[in-house]
Amino acid sequence: MNNKFFEWAGVITAILYSMFVALNIGIEFLGFCLLLLSAILIGIWAYRGGHKGILVLQFFYATAGIIGMIRWF
């Protein structure tokens, strides 16, 4: 797959995650699922592009997504 796909799919899912959590309308679990998906997608993009700092950041975001899903489930 094209690197642009991973980059932009990750960005869109991150935007949706932040909106779902900020709206506080009961879809926080779905938001944290999107955060995990976003971290995976952007992590792939970062790995392929050699963006080591962004890759490390995505490990943190993935961990936060998993913690959020566990706490909201």
C-alpha atoms as a PDB file:
ATOM      1  CA  MET A   1       0.000   0.000   0.000  1.00  0.00           C
ATOM      2  CA  ASN A   2       0.980   3.577  -0.604  1.00  0.00           C
ATOM      3  CA  ASN A   3       2.549   5.447   2.322  1.00  0.00           C
ATOM      4  CA  LYS A   4       0.088   8.302   1.774  1.00  0.00           C
ATOM      5  CA  PHE A   5      -2.760   5.928   2.643  1.00  0.00           C
ATOM      6  CA  PHE A   6      -1.238   5.107   6.049  1.00  0.00           C
ATOM      7  CA  GLU A   7      -0.464   8.747   6.748  1.00  0.00           C
ATOM      8  CA  TRP A   8      -3.902  10.144   5.904  1.00  0.00           C
ATOM      9  CA  ALA A   9      -5.962   7.236   7.217  1.00  0.00           C
ATOM     10  CA  GLY A  10      -4.077   7.654  10.503  1.00  0.00           C
ATOM     11  CA  VAL A  11      -4.742  11.387  10.545  1.00  0.00           C
ATOM     12  CA  ILE A  12      -8.468  10.960   9.860  1.00  0.00           C
ATOM     13  CA  THR A  13      -8.903   8.297  12.545  1.00  0.00           C
ATOM     14  CA  ALA A  14      -7.003  10.475  15.043  1.00  0.00           C
ATOM     15  CA  ILE A  15      -9.287  13.422  14.287  1.00  0.00           C
ATOM     16  CA  LEU A  16     -12.374  11.251  14.749  1.00  0.00           C
ATOM     17  CA  TYR A  17     -10.947   9.851  18.005  1.00  0.00           C
ATOM     18  CA  SER A  18     -10.415  13.302  19.453  1.00  0.00           C
ATOM     19  CA  MET A  19     -13.908  14.437  18.470  1.00  0.00           C
ATOM     20  CA  PHE A  20     -15.586  11.306  19.877  1.00  0.00           C
ATOM     21  CA  VAL A  21     -13.865  11.718  23.243  1.00  0.00           C
ATOM     22  CA  ALA A  22     -14.319  15.504  23.404  1.00  0.00           C
ATOM     23  CA  LEU A  23     -18.040  15.322  22.591  1.00  0.00           C
ATOM     24  CA  ASN A  24     -18.611  13.129  25.670  1.00  0.00           C
ATOM     25  CA  ILE A  25     -21.729  11.510  24.179  1.00  0.00           C
ATOM     26  CA  GLY A  26     -21.051   7.908  25.133  1.00  0.00           C
ATOM     27  CA  ILE A  27     -18.861   6.796  22.243  1.00  0.00           C
ATOM     28  CA  GLU A  28     -15.552   7.069  24.066  1.00  0.00           C
ATOM     29  CA  PHE A  29     -14.837   3.339  23.653  1.00  0.00           C
ATOM     30  CA  LEU A  30     -15.135   3.676  19.880  1.00  0.00           C
ATOM     31  CA  GLY A  31     -12.881   6.732  20.098  1.00  0.00           C
ATOM     32  CA  PHE A  32     -10.167   4.765  21.880  1.00  0.00           C
ATOM     33  CA  CYS A  33     -10.453   2.005  19.261  1.00  0.00           C
ATOM     34  CA  LEU A  34      -9.841   4.681  16.631  1.00  0.00           C
ATOM     35  CA  LEU A  35      -6.853   5.973  18.608  1.00  0.00           C
ATOM     36  CA  LEU A  36      -5.316   2.503  18.536  1.00  0.00           C
ATOM     37  CA  LEU A  37      -6.025   2.157  14.814  1.00  0.00           C
ATOM     38  CA  SER A  38      -4.563   5.606  14.177  1.00  0.00           C
ATOM     39  CA  ALA A  39      -1.407   4.730  16.118  1.00  0.00           C
ATOM     40  CA  ILE A  40      -0.966   1.577  14.058  1.00  0.00           C
ATOM     41  CA  LEU A  41      -1.502   3.363  10.746  1.00  0.00           C
ATOM     42  CA  ILE A  42       0.760   6.304  11.548  1.00  0.00           C
ATOM     43  CA  GLY A  43       3.281   3.902  13.090  1.00  0.00           C
ATOM     44  CA  ILE A  44       3.501   2.018   9.784  1.00  0.00           C
ATOM     45  CA  TRP A  45       3.916   5.316   7.944  1.00  0.00           C
ATOM     46  CA  ALA A  46       6.617   6.446  10.395  1.00  0.00           C
ATOM     47  CA  TYR A  47       8.490   3.153  10.195  1.00  0.00           C
ATOM     48  CA  ARG A  48       8.474   3.145   6.397  1.00  0.00           C
ATOM     49  CA  GLY A  49       9.582   6.764   6.253  1.00  0.00           C
ATOM     50  CA  GLY A  50      12.255   6.511   8.934  1.00  0.00           C
ATOM     51  CA  HIS A  51      10.501   8.962  11.273  1.00  0.00           C
ATOM     52  CA  LYS A  52      11.807   7.493  14.514  1.00  0.00           C
ATOM     53  CA  GLY A  53      10.427  10.145  16.870  1.00  0.00           C
ATOM     54  CA  ILE A  54       6.924   9.812  15.447  1.00  0.00           C
ATOM     55  CA  LEU A  55       7.203   6.012  15.641  1.00  0.00           C
ATOM     56  CA  VAL A  56       8.055   6.187  19.351  1.00  0.00           C
ATOM     57  CA  LEU A  57       5.118   8.552  19.889  1.00  0.00           C
ATOM     58  CA  GLN A  58       2.774   6.050  18.220  1.00  0.00           C
ATOM     59  CA  PHE A  59       3.778   3.367  20.742  1.00  0.00           C
ATOM     60  CA  PHE A  60       2.614   5.744  23.484  1.00  0.00           C
ATOM     61  CA  TYR A  61      -0.639   6.505  21.666  1.00  0.00           C
ATOM     62  CA  ALA A  62      -1.296   2.799  21.088  1.00  0.00           C
ATOM     63  CA  THR A  63      -0.759   2.159  24.794  1.00  0.00           C
ATOM     64  CA  ALA A  64      -3.111   5.026  25.686  1.00  0.00           C
ATOM     65  CA  GLY A  65      -5.721   3.602  23.303  1.00  0.00           C
ATOM     66  CA  ILE A  66      -5.521   0.164  24.918  1.00  0.00           C
ATOM     67  CA  ILE A  67      -5.727   1.634  28.422  1.00  0.00           C
ATOM     68  CA  GLY A  68      -8.710   3.764  27.361  1.00  0.00           C
ATOM     69  CA  MET A  69     -10.519   0.754  25.905  1.00  0.00           C
ATOM     70  CA  ILE A  70      -9.929  -1.284  29.059  1.00  0.00           C
ATOM     71  CA  ARG A  71     -11.115   1.510  31.347  1.00  0.00           C
ATOM     72  CA  TRP A  72     -14.227   2.360  29.305  1.00  0.00           C
ATOM     73  CA  PHE A  73     -15.323  -1.217  28.586  1.00  0.00           C
END
